[in-house]
Each structure stands twice: as structure tokens, then as C-alpha cells.
Amino acid sequence: MVTEGDHRHCKVCGKTCGPEQEFCSKACRAKRETNLATRRNYTYAMYALIAFLVIVFGLSLIRL
């Protein structure tokens, strides 16, 4: 049973949208996808940096 007050808010801009929708427009959906991709790339970069530092630290211990 759907009443007048049943709705969701857009995950990007906060505008109201239908109860089955997550985004109010295609632009908001695209912006969310771009933000998630950027965040994922930063996460991968941080993992790579940590791995690099662990390897460098490990090699410096071997030389001692």
C-alpha cells in the first residue's frame, strides 16, 4: 500500500523521487557513478602506496 508520503530521496542531490528510484535523474546517476569510480581509484592508489612502502621497508631491513 503506497501512501502520499512514501518516497525516497536522491542519493546525490537529496530531491524527492519515487519509492523505487534511487536517483532523481540520469545526471545524478552519472555523477554518482563518477564519484564512485574516483573513490575506487584513490583506494587502489592507497593500497599500491602501502605495498610499495612495505616493499621498500622490507628491502631496507635486508640490507642491514
C-alpha atoms as a PDB file:
ATOM      1  CA  MET A   1       0.000   0.000   0.000  1.00  0.00           C
ATOM      2  CA  VAL A   2       1.589   3.258  -1.163  1.00  0.00           C
ATOM      3  CA  THR A   3       0.514   6.458   0.512  1.00  0.00           C
ATOM      4  CA  GLU A   4       1.203  10.052  -0.416  1.00  0.00           C
ATOM      5  CA  GLY A   5       4.160  10.220   1.984  1.00  0.00           C
ATOM      6  CA  ASP A   6       6.000   7.180   0.580  1.00  0.00           C
ATOM      7  CA  HIS A   7       9.035   8.395  -1.298  1.00  0.00           C
ATOM      8  CA  ARG A   8      12.818   8.305  -1.330  1.00  0.00           C
ATOM      9  CA  HIS A   9      15.422  10.974  -1.675  1.00  0.00           C
ATOM     10  CA  CYS A  10      18.061  11.126  -4.400  1.00  0.00           C
ATOM     11  CA  LYS A  11      21.432   9.813  -3.190  1.00  0.00           C
ATOM     12  CA  VAL A  12      23.234  12.725  -4.855  1.00  0.00           C
ATOM     13  CA  CYS A  13      21.174  15.901  -4.570  1.00  0.00           C
ATOM     14  CA  GLY A  14      18.550  14.958  -1.972  1.00  0.00           C
ATOM     15  CA  LYS A  15      15.485  15.760  -4.095  1.00  0.00           C
ATOM     16  CA  THR A  16      12.463  13.533  -3.651  1.00  0.00           C
ATOM     17  CA  CYS A  17      11.885  10.736  -6.145  1.00  0.00           C
ATOM     18  CA  GLY A  18       9.656   7.698  -6.412  1.00  0.00           C
ATOM     19  CA  PRO A  19       9.722   4.870  -3.882  1.00  0.00           C
ATOM     20  CA  GLU A  20      11.509   2.525  -6.313  1.00  0.00           C
ATOM     21  CA  GLN A  21      14.040   5.094  -7.591  1.00  0.00           C
ATOM     22  CA  GLU A  22      17.438   5.830  -6.111  1.00  0.00           C
ATOM     23  CA  PHE A  23      18.193   8.909  -8.229  1.00  0.00           C
ATOM     24  CA  CYS A  24      16.037  11.764  -9.473  1.00  0.00           C
ATOM     25  CA  SER A  25      17.670  11.990 -12.915  1.00  0.00           C
ATOM     26  CA  LYS A  26      20.206  10.429 -15.264  1.00  0.00           C
ATOM     27  CA  ALA A  27      22.598  13.278 -14.458  1.00  0.00           C
ATOM     28  CA  CYS A  28      22.570  12.398 -10.756  1.00  0.00           C
ATOM     29  CA  ARG A  29      23.101   8.716 -11.575  1.00  0.00           C
ATOM     30  CA  ALA A  30      26.092   9.603 -13.793  1.00  0.00           C
ATOM     31  CA  LYS A  31      27.542  11.888 -11.121  1.00  0.00           C
ATOM     32  CA  ARG A  32      27.263   9.102  -8.527  1.00  0.00           C
ATOM     33  CA  GLU A  33      29.000   6.626 -10.857  1.00  0.00           C
ATOM     34  CA  THR A  34      31.805   9.129 -11.491  1.00  0.00           C
ATOM     35  CA  ASN A  35      32.242   9.741  -7.755  1.00  0.00           C
ATOM     36  CA  LEU A  36      32.357   6.001  -7.042  1.00  0.00           C
ATOM     37  CA  ALA A  37      34.935   5.428  -9.789  1.00  0.00           C
ATOM     38  CA  THR A  38      37.127   8.244  -8.452  1.00  0.00           C
ATOM     39  CA  ARG A  39      36.860   6.887  -4.925  1.00  0.00           C
ATOM     40  CA  ARG A  40      37.737   3.376  -6.121  1.00  0.00           C
ATOM     41  CA  ASN A  41      40.813   4.716  -7.948  1.00  0.00           C
ATOM     42  CA  TYR A  42      42.007   6.552  -4.826  1.00  0.00           C
ATOM     43  CA  THR A  43      41.568   3.359  -2.826  1.00  0.00           C
ATOM     44  CA  TYR A  44      43.663   1.385  -5.316  1.00  0.00           C
ATOM     45  CA  ALA A  45      46.321   4.105  -5.264  1.00  0.00           C
ATOM     46  CA  MET A  46      46.491   3.973  -1.463  1.00  0.00           C
ATOM     47  CA  TYR A  47      46.863   0.173  -1.499  1.00  0.00           C
ATOM     48  CA  ALA A  48      49.628   0.470  -4.091  1.00  0.00           C
ATOM     49  CA  LEU A  49      51.417   3.109  -1.995  1.00  0.00           C
ATOM     50  CA  ILE A  50      51.206   0.953   1.127  1.00  0.00           C
ATOM     51  CA  ALA A  51      52.503  -2.086  -0.768  1.00  0.00           C
ATOM     52  CA  PHE A  52      55.369  -0.005  -2.175  1.00  0.00           C
ATOM     53  CA  LEU A  53      56.316   1.287   1.272  1.00  0.00           C
ATOM     54  CA  VAL A  54      56.223  -2.215   2.763  1.00  0.00           C
ATOM     55  CA  ILE A  55      58.493  -3.493  -0.007  1.00  0.00           C
ATOM     56  CA  VAL A  56      60.938  -0.597   0.394  1.00  0.00           C
ATOM     57  CA  PHE A  57      60.976  -1.047   4.167  1.00  0.00           C
ATOM     58  CA  GLY A  58      61.493  -4.797   3.774  1.00  0.00           C
ATOM     59  CA  LEU A  59      64.383  -4.291   1.375  1.00  0.00           C
ATOM     60  CA  SER A  60      65.994  -1.775   3.708  1.00  0.00           C
ATOM     61  CA  LEU A  61      65.872  -4.345   6.535  1.00  0.00           C
ATOM     62  CA  ILE A  62      67.577  -6.949   4.345  1.00  0.00           C
ATOM     63  CA  ARG A  63      70.500  -4.595   3.683  1.00  0.00           C
ATOM     64  CA  LEU A  64      71.115  -4.088   7.413  1.00  0.00           C
END
